[in-house]
Amino acid sequence: MELFKEAVDYLETQHIPVEAVDGTGPDPLEDDVFPEEDVFSPLQTDSMDLPDTPVLRTLEEMLVRRLMVLRKVLDSEKIYLNELETLLMPMKALKATAGTSQPVLSSQQVRTVFYQVPELRDLHRDFYTCLRDRLGPLGPQIHPETDPGQGPGKEQGQMNFHLTVGDLFLKIVSQIGVYRGFIDNYESAVEIVRRCTQTDKRFRILAESMMFYNGSDKSKTEYTFEALLYKPLDRVTKTTLVLHDLLKHTPQTHGDHPVLLEALRLSQSFLSGVNEGSQCKQEVTLSRGMRRQLMRDGFVVDVCEGGRNLCHLFLYTDLLLCTKLKGGAQGKQAQYRFCWYLPLAGLKLRWGPEMERTTDTHQRIHTMRAKMYVLRHELRQIMKPVPLKSLAARTSERGRKKMEHLELMFLTQSPFLPWNYTAPAARATLW
């Protein structure tokens, strides 16, 4: 995998001068073909920073962080249970009105909207109760970053090491098939909610003001009906991430390690089965992410069997999306063509050795830079005031298209910093 900056930044990193510094003037081909004020470049991209390489930690530090992850899972489960309870609150009333002369929803619509939600609530309530009981004897959470020197005592450290929760995660993942029915029914449920929200004022008031009251501080959180229906989809995609994070902080000598590995395998297998299903199921993880955020995007070059293709990567909070720019017809805006996407869980990225340019590649890049230099100056001359404005406009447009084509070729051939990625159920690829 090859990441690159803008063309000017790349030329500078390769020690190719882009501006005169001694007053004698550079070779005309060394002139900056991508100045900041240049209006002809359609490609703008920022650099992509990679996280620092993780350092090795002691067994005690891993166990403390493992406990912190488990407590965060417990807190998250409590919130999720409250959200499911809030979603189920109007079910009884809607069922009661279904048999009246003026029902809000019919009996069939009620069954569709709340399909598998009670089963999901029971599944996670059992998991939450068991996990809470396992963590209860360990006392309050310790933060070694904020409480230096207080780390876990020897006795508590031994308790942390002998604490096993893998069976709980394996149990809930083994029953994750309950989510499949919910996912298959999700589109139908959302369609009913949206339609009734628009046509029935009674349902609209209900759907737009569902409250959850926190018992401790008496605060309240407001949801919409559709937002609550999305919560199980959000949860099932996070299961793999939680298991991956927990495994990272579980020593290989710990009894939970092989059990968590099996739970992670089952979770990834289920998620892959969902993603490879119908378009409706693909939307579950690709376009239904109400909390999903775009973190970074940029251009890369896909190296496959000696060929090079310019791709556009979009990094989201939970997945990596790859697209290719598909040229549109004349007068129409260009569009992106979907290539693939991968969950970040299990995705591995590695820098490879820098690739050496061949003589032919050097010559090709030099020729492209020469053409870009000449074309850029021609465009500047065309844009000067001339009598035949319409002819100048047509010539300028043709020149711009040529410049865009040359820039794409230049950016495709320039990068030589390989980046390999591997992911479950995906072949190793060089970028």
Protein backbone atom coordinates (compact mmCIF):
# COMPACT_ATOMS: atom_id res chain seq x y z
CA MET A 1 0.00 0.00 0.00
CA GLU A 2 1.46 3.36 -1.00
CA LEU A 3 0.45 6.61 0.59
CA PHE A 4 1.54 9.89 -0.93
CA LYS A 5 1.16 13.56 -0.38
CA GLU A 6 0.63 16.22 -2.96
CA ALA A 7 3.02 16.18 -5.88
CA VAL A 8 5.12 19.07 -4.55
CA ASP A 9 5.59 17.41 -1.17
CA TYR A 10 6.59 14.17 -2.85
CA LEU A 11 9.15 15.90 -5.11
CA GLU A 12 10.68 17.58 -2.07
CA THR A 13 11.02 14.29 -0.17
CA GLN A 14 12.87 12.86 -3.18
CA HIS A 15 15.28 15.84 -3.05
CA ILE A 16 14.10 17.21 -6.39
CA PRO A 17 14.23 21.04 -6.22
CA VAL A 18 11.01 22.81 -7.03
CA GLU A 19 12.07 26.45 -6.68
CA ALA A 20 15.20 28.45 -7.38
CA VAL A 21 17.26 29.11 -4.24
CA ASP A 22 20.53 30.58 -5.56
CA GLY A 23 19.19 33.19 -7.97
CA THR A 24 20.69 31.48 -11.03
CA GLY A 25 17.38 29.89 -11.98
CA PRO A 26 16.61 26.21 -12.21
CA ASP A 27 16.29 23.92 -15.15
CA PRO A 28 12.87 24.81 -16.64
CA LEU A 29 11.78 21.22 -16.11
CA GLU A 30 12.50 21.59 -12.40
CA ASP A 31 9.95 24.40 -12.11
CA ASP A 32 7.20 23.74 -9.60
CA VAL A 33 4.37 22.13 -11.53
CA PHE A 34 2.04 22.20 -8.51
CA PRO A 35 2.39 25.65 -6.86
CA GLU A 36 -0.02 26.40 -4.07
CA GLU A 37 -1.76 29.10 -6.08
CA ASP A 38 -2.08 26.89 -9.17
CA VAL A 39 -5.74 26.63 -10.13
CA PHE A 40 -5.29 23.73 -12.51
CA SER A 41 -4.72 20.90 -10.05
CA PRO A 42 -7.93 18.98 -9.21
CA LEU A 43 -6.21 16.68 -6.74
CA GLN A 44 -5.72 17.86 -3.17
CA THR A 45 -4.88 15.47 -0.36
CA ASP A 46 -3.45 15.67 3.13
CA SER A 47 -0.81 13.45 4.60
CA MET A 48 -1.96 10.46 6.62
CA ASP A 49 -0.29 10.02 9.99
CA LEU A 50 0.17 6.53 11.41
CA PRO A 51 0.01 5.77 15.12
CA ASP A 52 3.24 5.16 16.96
CA THR A 53 4.44 1.58 17.20
CA PRO A 54 3.11 0.06 20.45
CA VAL A 55 5.70 -0.80 23.06
CA LEU A 56 5.88 -3.97 25.12
CA ARG A 57 4.16 -3.86 28.50
CA THR A 58 4.61 -5.87 31.65
CA LEU A 59 2.16 -8.56 32.66
CA GLU A 60 0.78 -6.37 35.45
CA GLU A 61 0.14 -3.46 33.08
CA MET A 62 -1.66 -5.72 30.62
CA LEU A 63 -3.90 -7.09 33.37
CA VAL A 64 -4.76 -3.60 34.62
CA ARG A 65 -5.68 -2.47 31.11
CA ARG A 66 -7.62 -5.67 30.56
CA LEU A 67 -9.66 -4.90 33.66
CA MET A 68 -10.23 -1.35 32.41
CA VAL A 69 -11.51 -2.71 29.09
CA LEU A 70 -13.85 -5.10 30.87
CA ARG A 71 -15.29 -2.32 33.03
CA LYS A 72 -15.85 -0.20 29.94
CA VAL A 73 -17.63 -3.16 28.35
CA LEU A 74 -19.80 -3.45 31.46
CA ASP A 75 -20.70 0.26 31.35
CA SER A 76 -21.46 0.02 27.65
CA GLU A 77 -23.68 -3.03 28.20
CA LYS A 78 -25.65 -1.15 30.84
CA ILE A 79 -26.28 1.73 28.44
CA TYR A 80 -27.26 -0.68 25.67
CA LEU A 81 -29.71 -2.50 27.95
CA ASN A 82 -31.30 0.82 28.90
CA GLU A 83 -31.68 1.66 25.21
CA LEU A 84 -33.37 -1.67 24.50
CA GLU A 85 -35.69 -1.16 27.47
CA THR A 86 -36.57 2.31 26.18
CA LEU A 87 -37.32 0.85 22.75
CA LEU A 88 -39.61 -1.78 24.27
CA MET A 89 -41.54 0.64 26.52
CA PRO A 90 -44.26 1.55 23.98
CA MET A 91 -44.71 -2.03 22.74
CA LYS A 92 -47.37 -2.94 25.31
CA ALA A 93 -49.43 0.19 24.62
CA LEU A 94 -49.16 -0.24 20.85
CA LYS A 95 -50.32 -3.85 21.17
CA ALA A 96 -53.30 -2.71 23.24
CA THR A 97 -54.41 -0.12 20.68
CA ALA A 98 -53.96 -2.56 17.79
CA GLY A 99 -57.29 -4.21 18.64
CA THR A 100 -59.26 -0.94 18.82
CA SER A 101 -61.16 0.91 16.11
CA GLN A 102 -58.38 3.51 15.81
CA PRO A 103 -55.09 1.63 16.11
CA VAL A 104 -51.76 3.43 15.94
CA LEU A 105 -50.16 0.30 14.45
CA SER A 106 -51.75 -2.94 13.35
CA SER A 107 -50.87 -6.16 15.16
CA GLN A 108 -48.67 -7.23 12.24
CA GLN A 109 -46.86 -3.88 12.24
CA VAL A 110 -46.20 -4.15 15.97
CA ARG A 111 -44.70 -7.60 15.50
CA THR A 112 -42.52 -6.33 12.65
CA VAL A 113 -41.26 -3.23 14.46
CA PHE A 114 -40.30 -5.09 17.66
CA TYR A 115 -39.19 -8.34 16.04
CA GLN A 116 -36.43 -10.06 18.09
CA VAL A 117 -35.95 -7.02 20.34
CA PRO A 118 -37.17 -8.80 23.53
CA GLU A 119 -34.83 -11.72 22.74
CA LEU A 120 -31.89 -9.34 22.33
CA ARG A 121 -32.77 -7.67 25.63
CA ASP A 122 -32.84 -11.01 27.46
CA LEU A 123 -29.56 -12.13 25.86
CA HIS A 124 -27.65 -9.02 26.89
CA ARG A 125 -29.29 -8.79 30.30
CA ASP A 126 -27.96 -12.26 31.11
CA PHE A 127 -24.49 -11.31 29.81
CA TYR A 128 -24.47 -8.05 31.78
CA THR A 129 -25.52 -9.75 35.02
CA CYS A 130 -22.86 -12.46 34.75
CA LEU A 131 -20.09 -10.01 33.81
CA ARG A 132 -21.04 -7.68 36.67
CA ASP A 133 -20.88 -10.56 39.14
CA ARG A 134 -17.43 -11.60 37.86
CA LEU A 135 -16.01 -8.08 38.14
CA GLY A 136 -17.68 -7.22 41.45
CA PRO A 137 -15.06 -8.74 43.82
CA LEU A 138 -12.23 -6.78 42.13
CA GLY A 139 -13.32 -3.45 43.55
CA PRO A 140 -13.05 -0.02 41.89
CA GLN A 141 -11.19 0.51 38.65
CA ILE A 142 -7.53 1.56 38.83
CA HIS A 143 -6.02 4.05 36.40
CA PRO A 144 -2.24 3.60 36.38
CA GLU A 145 -1.81 6.65 34.18
CA THR A 146 -3.40 8.97 36.74
CA ASP A 147 -2.41 7.09 39.90
CA PRO A 148 1.29 6.29 39.50
CA GLY A 149 2.73 4.08 42.15
CA GLN A 150 -0.66 2.78 43.18
CA GLY A 151 -0.79 -0.11 40.70
CA PRO A 152 -2.50 -3.32 41.68
CA GLY A 153 -1.29 -5.04 44.77
CA LYS A 154 0.12 -8.55 44.57
CA GLU A 155 -3.12 -10.10 45.81
CA GLN A 156 -5.30 -8.12 43.42
CA GLY A 157 -2.88 -8.78 40.55
CA GLN A 158 -3.28 -12.50 41.15
CA MET A 159 -7.07 -12.06 41.18
CA ASN A 160 -6.87 -10.20 37.86
CA PHE A 161 -4.84 -13.00 36.31
CA HIS A 162 -7.22 -15.71 37.48
CA LEU A 163 -10.31 -13.71 36.46
CA THR A 164 -11.93 -15.50 33.50
CA VAL A 165 -14.65 -13.96 31.34
CA GLY A 166 -13.94 -15.68 28.02
CA ASP A 167 -16.76 -18.16 28.54
CA LEU A 168 -19.24 -15.27 28.88
CA PHE A 169 -18.13 -13.71 25.59
CA LEU A 170 -18.11 -17.09 23.86
CA LYS A 171 -21.64 -17.76 25.11
CA ILE A 172 -23.08 -14.48 23.85
CA VAL A 173 -21.24 -14.78 20.52
CA SER A 174 -22.53 -18.34 20.12
CA GLN A 175 -26.07 -16.92 20.37
CA ILE A 176 -25.37 -13.96 18.09
CA GLY A 177 -27.55 -15.61 15.46
CA VAL A 178 -30.47 -13.85 17.19
CA TYR A 179 -29.20 -10.71 15.48
CA ARG A 180 -29.61 -12.25 12.03
CA GLY A 181 -33.38 -12.22 12.33
CA PHE A 182 -33.30 -8.63 13.53
CA ILE A 183 -31.01 -7.60 10.65
CA ASP A 184 -33.19 -9.33 8.05
CA ASN A 185 -36.24 -7.54 9.45
CA TYR A 186 -34.56 -4.15 10.01
CA GLU A 187 -35.51 -2.52 6.69
CA SER A 188 -39.17 -3.46 7.10
CA ALA A 189 -39.26 -2.12 10.67
CA VAL A 190 -37.66 1.19 9.70
CA GLU A 191 -40.01 1.58 6.74
CA ILE A 192 -43.04 1.22 9.03
CA VAL A 193 -41.61 3.71 11.53
CA ARG A 194 -40.87 6.30 8.83
CA ARG A 195 -44.23 5.93 7.12
CA CYS A 196 -46.24 6.12 10.34
CA THR A 197 -44.16 9.06 11.56
CA GLN A 198 -45.25 11.00 8.48
CA THR A 199 -48.91 9.95 8.42
CA ASP A 200 -49.93 9.56 12.08
CA LYS A 201 -49.49 12.45 14.49
CA ARG A 202 -49.88 10.16 17.52
CA PHE A 203 -47.05 7.93 16.37
CA ARG A 204 -44.90 10.92 15.38
CA ILE A 205 -45.10 12.33 18.91
CA LEU A 206 -44.12 8.93 20.27
CA ALA A 207 -41.34 8.30 17.74
CA GLU A 208 -39.62 11.65 18.22
CA SER A 209 -39.62 11.86 22.01
CA MET A 210 -38.63 8.56 23.58
CA MET A 211 -36.89 9.26 26.89
CA PHE A 212 -34.55 7.28 29.07
CA TYR A 213 -34.16 8.49 32.65
CA ASN A 214 -30.88 7.82 34.46
CA GLY A 215 -31.54 6.63 37.98
CA SER A 216 -28.36 8.00 39.57
CA ASP A 217 -28.39 11.67 38.56
CA LYS A 218 -32.03 11.82 37.38
CA SER A 219 -30.90 13.14 34.01
CA LYS A 220 -32.64 12.06 30.83
CA THR A 221 -31.57 11.13 27.32
CA GLU A 222 -33.90 11.68 24.39
CA TYR A 223 -34.00 9.29 21.42
CA THR A 224 -35.99 8.89 18.24
CA PHE A 225 -37.65 5.58 17.47
CA GLU A 226 -35.46 5.03 14.41
CA ALA A 227 -32.28 5.81 16.36
CA LEU A 228 -33.19 3.17 18.94
CA LEU A 229 -33.88 0.62 16.20
CA TYR A 230 -30.36 1.17 14.93
CA LYS A 231 -28.74 0.38 18.30
CA PRO A 232 -28.63 -3.43 17.78
CA LEU A 233 -26.95 -2.97 14.39
CA ASP A 234 -24.38 -0.70 15.96
CA ARG A 235 -23.88 -3.25 18.72
CA VAL A 236 -23.27 -6.27 16.52
CA THR A 237 -20.59 -4.45 14.51
CA LYS A 238 -18.86 -3.39 17.73
CA THR A 239 -18.69 -6.93 19.11
CA THR A 240 -15.69 -7.79 16.95
CA LEU A 241 -13.92 -4.57 17.95
CA VAL A 242 -14.48 -5.26 21.65
CA LEU A 243 -13.11 -8.80 21.38
CA HIS A 244 -10.10 -7.59 19.42
CA ASP A 245 -9.36 -4.92 22.05
CA LEU A 246 -9.78 -7.40 24.90
CA LEU A 247 -7.46 -9.91 23.24
CA LYS A 248 -4.81 -7.22 22.86
CA HIS A 249 -4.69 -6.81 26.64
CA THR A 250 -4.98 -10.52 27.53
CA PRO A 251 -1.63 -12.33 27.97
CA GLN A 252 -1.20 -15.41 25.81
CA THR A 253 -0.59 -17.45 28.96
CA HIS A 254 -3.98 -16.43 30.35
CA GLY A 255 -6.74 -19.03 30.30
CA ASP A 256 -9.07 -16.61 28.50
CA HIS A 257 -6.80 -16.16 25.49
CA PRO A 258 -7.81 -19.26 23.43
CA VAL A 259 -11.48 -18.81 24.38
CA LEU A 260 -11.48 -15.16 23.28
CA LEU A 261 -9.76 -16.15 20.03
CA GLU A 262 -12.60 -18.57 19.30
CA ALA A 263 -15.19 -15.93 20.19
CA LEU A 264 -13.46 -13.46 17.86
CA ARG A 265 -13.45 -16.04 15.06
CA LEU A 266 -17.18 -16.67 15.46
CA SER A 267 -17.93 -12.95 15.59
CA GLN A 268 -15.90 -12.23 12.45
CA SER A 269 -17.52 -15.16 10.68
CA PHE A 270 -20.99 -13.89 11.51
CA LEU A 271 -20.16 -10.34 10.43
CA SER A 272 -18.66 -11.60 7.17
CA GLY A 273 -21.80 -13.60 6.49
CA VAL A 274 -23.92 -10.52 7.04
CA ASN A 275 -21.73 -8.34 4.81
CA GLU A 276 -21.71 -10.87 1.97
CA GLY A 277 -25.49 -11.11 1.92
CA SER A 278 -28.01 -8.99 0.07
CA GLN A 279 -27.67 -5.25 -0.51
CA CYS A 280 -29.98 -4.72 2.45
CA LYS A 281 -27.55 -6.57 4.70
CA GLN A 282 -24.57 -4.71 3.28
CA GLU A 283 -26.19 -1.45 4.28
CA VAL A 284 -26.15 -2.63 7.88
CA THR A 285 -22.42 -2.01 8.19
CA LEU A 286 -21.74 0.26 5.23
CA SER A 287 -24.38 2.96 5.06
CA ARG A 288 -26.49 2.66 8.19
CA GLY A 289 -23.79 3.89 10.55
CA MET A 290 -25.49 6.74 12.37
CA ARG A 291 -22.44 7.16 14.61
CA ARG A 292 -19.89 6.40 11.92
CA GLN A 293 -17.57 9.29 11.14
CA LEU A 294 -15.13 9.92 8.32
CA MET A 295 -11.70 10.26 9.93
CA ARG A 296 -9.44 10.75 6.90
CA ASP A 297 -9.36 10.26 3.15
CA GLY A 298 -6.62 10.34 0.54
CA PHE A 299 -5.30 8.96 -2.71
CA VAL A 300 -3.20 5.80 -2.91
CA VAL A 301 -1.85 3.67 -5.73
CA ASP A 302 -2.92 0.03 -5.90
CA VAL A 303 -0.05 -2.14 -7.19
CA CYS A 304 -1.42 -5.39 -8.59
CA GLU A 305 0.42 -7.74 -10.96
CA GLY A 306 2.75 -4.99 -12.11
CA GLY A 307 -0.07 -2.56 -12.88
CA ARG A 308 -0.81 0.68 -11.04
CA ASN A 309 -4.27 2.10 -10.38
CA LEU A 310 -5.13 5.30 -8.57
CA CYS A 311 -7.60 4.69 -5.73
CA HIS A 312 -9.28 6.89 -3.15
CA LEU A 313 -9.37 5.54 0.42
CA PHE A 314 -11.87 6.65 3.06
CA LEU A 315 -10.99 5.80 6.66
CA TYR A 316 -14.04 5.61 8.94
CA THR A 317 -14.15 4.90 12.65
CA ASP A 318 -14.81 1.20 12.05
CA LEU A 319 -13.92 0.38 8.45
CA LEU A 320 -11.71 1.19 5.47
CA LEU A 321 -13.47 1.96 2.18
CA CYS A 322 -11.77 1.86 -1.24
CA THR A 323 -13.17 3.54 -4.36
CA LYS A 324 -11.98 4.43 -7.85
CA LEU A 325 -12.82 7.60 -9.73
CA LYS A 326 -15.00 6.79 -12.72
CA GLY A 327 -14.87 9.41 -15.44
CA GLY A 328 -18.28 10.89 -16.19
CA ALA A 329 -19.69 11.72 -19.59
CA GLN A 330 -19.01 15.12 -21.09
CA GLY A 331 -20.77 17.81 -19.10
CA LYS A 332 -21.48 15.48 -16.17
CA GLN A 333 -19.71 15.22 -12.86
CA ALA A 334 -17.32 12.31 -12.37
CA GLN A 335 -18.47 9.62 -9.94
CA TYR A 336 -16.81 7.16 -7.58
CA ARG A 337 -17.03 3.43 -8.19
CA PHE A 338 -17.16 1.23 -5.08
CA CYS A 339 -14.34 -1.37 -4.93
CA TRP A 340 -14.37 -2.93 -1.46
CA TYR A 341 -14.47 -2.23 2.26
CA LEU A 342 -12.89 -3.97 5.26
CA PRO A 343 -13.68 -3.74 9.00
CA LEU A 344 -10.75 -2.28 10.92
CA ALA A 345 -10.89 -5.21 13.34
CA GLY A 346 -8.25 -7.69 12.25
CA LEU A 347 -6.79 -5.36 9.61
CA LYS A 348 -2.98 -5.42 9.64
CA LEU A 349 -0.80 -2.80 7.95
CA ARG A 350 2.93 -3.07 7.41
CA TRP A 351 5.48 -0.81 5.74
CA GLY A 352 7.51 -2.57 3.05
CA PRO A 353 11.00 -1.81 1.71
CA GLU A 354 11.18 1.19 -0.59
CA MET A 355 10.84 0.20 -4.23
CA GLU A 356 13.56 1.25 -6.66
CA ARG A 357 12.61 3.08 -9.82
CA THR A 358 13.70 1.57 -13.10
CA THR A 359 15.37 3.64 -15.81
CA ASP A 360 12.18 3.42 -17.85
CA THR A 361 10.13 4.77 -14.95
CA HIS A 362 12.55 7.66 -14.42
CA GLN A 363 12.31 8.56 -18.10
CA ARG A 364 8.52 8.32 -18.10
CA ILE A 365 8.20 10.61 -15.07
CA HIS A 366 10.69 13.10 -16.57
CA THR A 367 8.68 13.19 -19.82
CA MET A 368 5.41 13.77 -17.97
CA ARG A 369 6.93 16.63 -15.96
CA ALA A 370 8.18 18.20 -19.19
CA LYS A 371 4.73 18.00 -20.79
CA MET A 372 3.09 19.43 -17.66
CA TYR A 373 5.54 22.32 -17.59
CA VAL A 374 4.87 23.22 -21.24
CA LEU A 375 1.10 22.80 -20.92
CA ARG A 376 0.97 24.93 -17.78
CA HIS A 377 2.66 27.85 -19.53
CA GLU A 378 0.40 27.43 -22.56
CA LEU A 379 -2.66 27.68 -20.33
CA ARG A 380 -1.33 30.86 -18.76
CA GLN A 381 -0.87 32.39 -22.20
CA ILE A 382 -4.37 31.36 -23.28
CA MET A 383 -5.95 32.96 -20.22
CA LYS A 384 -4.50 36.37 -21.12
CA PRO A 385 -7.02 38.80 -22.75
CA VAL A 386 -7.44 37.93 -26.43
CA PRO A 387 -10.02 39.02 -29.03
CA LEU A 388 -11.43 35.53 -29.66
CA LYS A 389 -12.72 34.78 -26.17
CA SER A 390 -14.89 31.81 -27.18
CA LEU A 391 -11.99 30.12 -28.97
CA ALA A 392 -9.73 30.78 -25.98
CA ALA A 393 -12.29 29.22 -23.64
CA ARG A 394 -12.52 26.04 -25.72
CA THR A 395 -8.75 25.79 -25.98
CA SER A 396 -8.39 26.41 -22.25
CA GLU A 397 -10.89 23.65 -21.45
CA ARG A 398 -9.02 21.16 -23.62
CA GLY A 399 -5.78 22.17 -21.92
CA ARG A 400 -7.28 21.69 -18.48
CA LYS A 401 -8.41 18.17 -19.36
CA LYS A 402 -4.94 17.33 -20.65
CA MET A 403 -3.43 18.69 -17.43
CA GLU A 404 -5.77 16.58 -15.30
CA HIS A 405 -4.87 13.48 -17.30
CA LEU A 406 -1.14 14.15 -16.94
CA GLU A 407 -1.50 14.78 -13.20
CA LEU A 408 -3.29 11.47 -12.73
CA MET A 409 -0.57 9.67 -14.65
CA PHE A 410 2.14 11.47 -12.69
CA LEU A 411 0.58 10.69 -9.31
CA THR A 412 0.07 7.07 -10.31
CA GLN A 413 3.70 6.54 -11.30
CA SER A 414 5.41 8.62 -8.59
CA PRO A 415 4.88 6.77 -5.25
CA PHE A 416 7.45 4.15 -4.28
CA LEU A 417 6.79 3.68 -0.55
CA PRO A 418 4.93 0.35 -0.36
CA TRP A 419 2.35 -0.44 2.29
CA ASN A 420 1.00 -3.98 2.66
CA TYR A 421 -2.31 -4.83 4.27
CA THR A 422 -3.85 -8.14 5.25
CA ALA A 423 -7.27 -8.82 6.71
CA PRO A 424 -9.39 -11.88 7.57
CA ALA A 425 -10.99 -13.35 4.43
CA ALA A 426 -8.94 -10.97 2.24
CA ARG A 427 -5.81 -11.52 0.21
CA ALA A 428 -2.61 -9.67 1.01
CA THR A 429 -2.35 -6.54 -1.12
CA LEU A 430 0.47 -4.13 -1.88
CA TRP A 431 -0.22 -0.40 -2.00
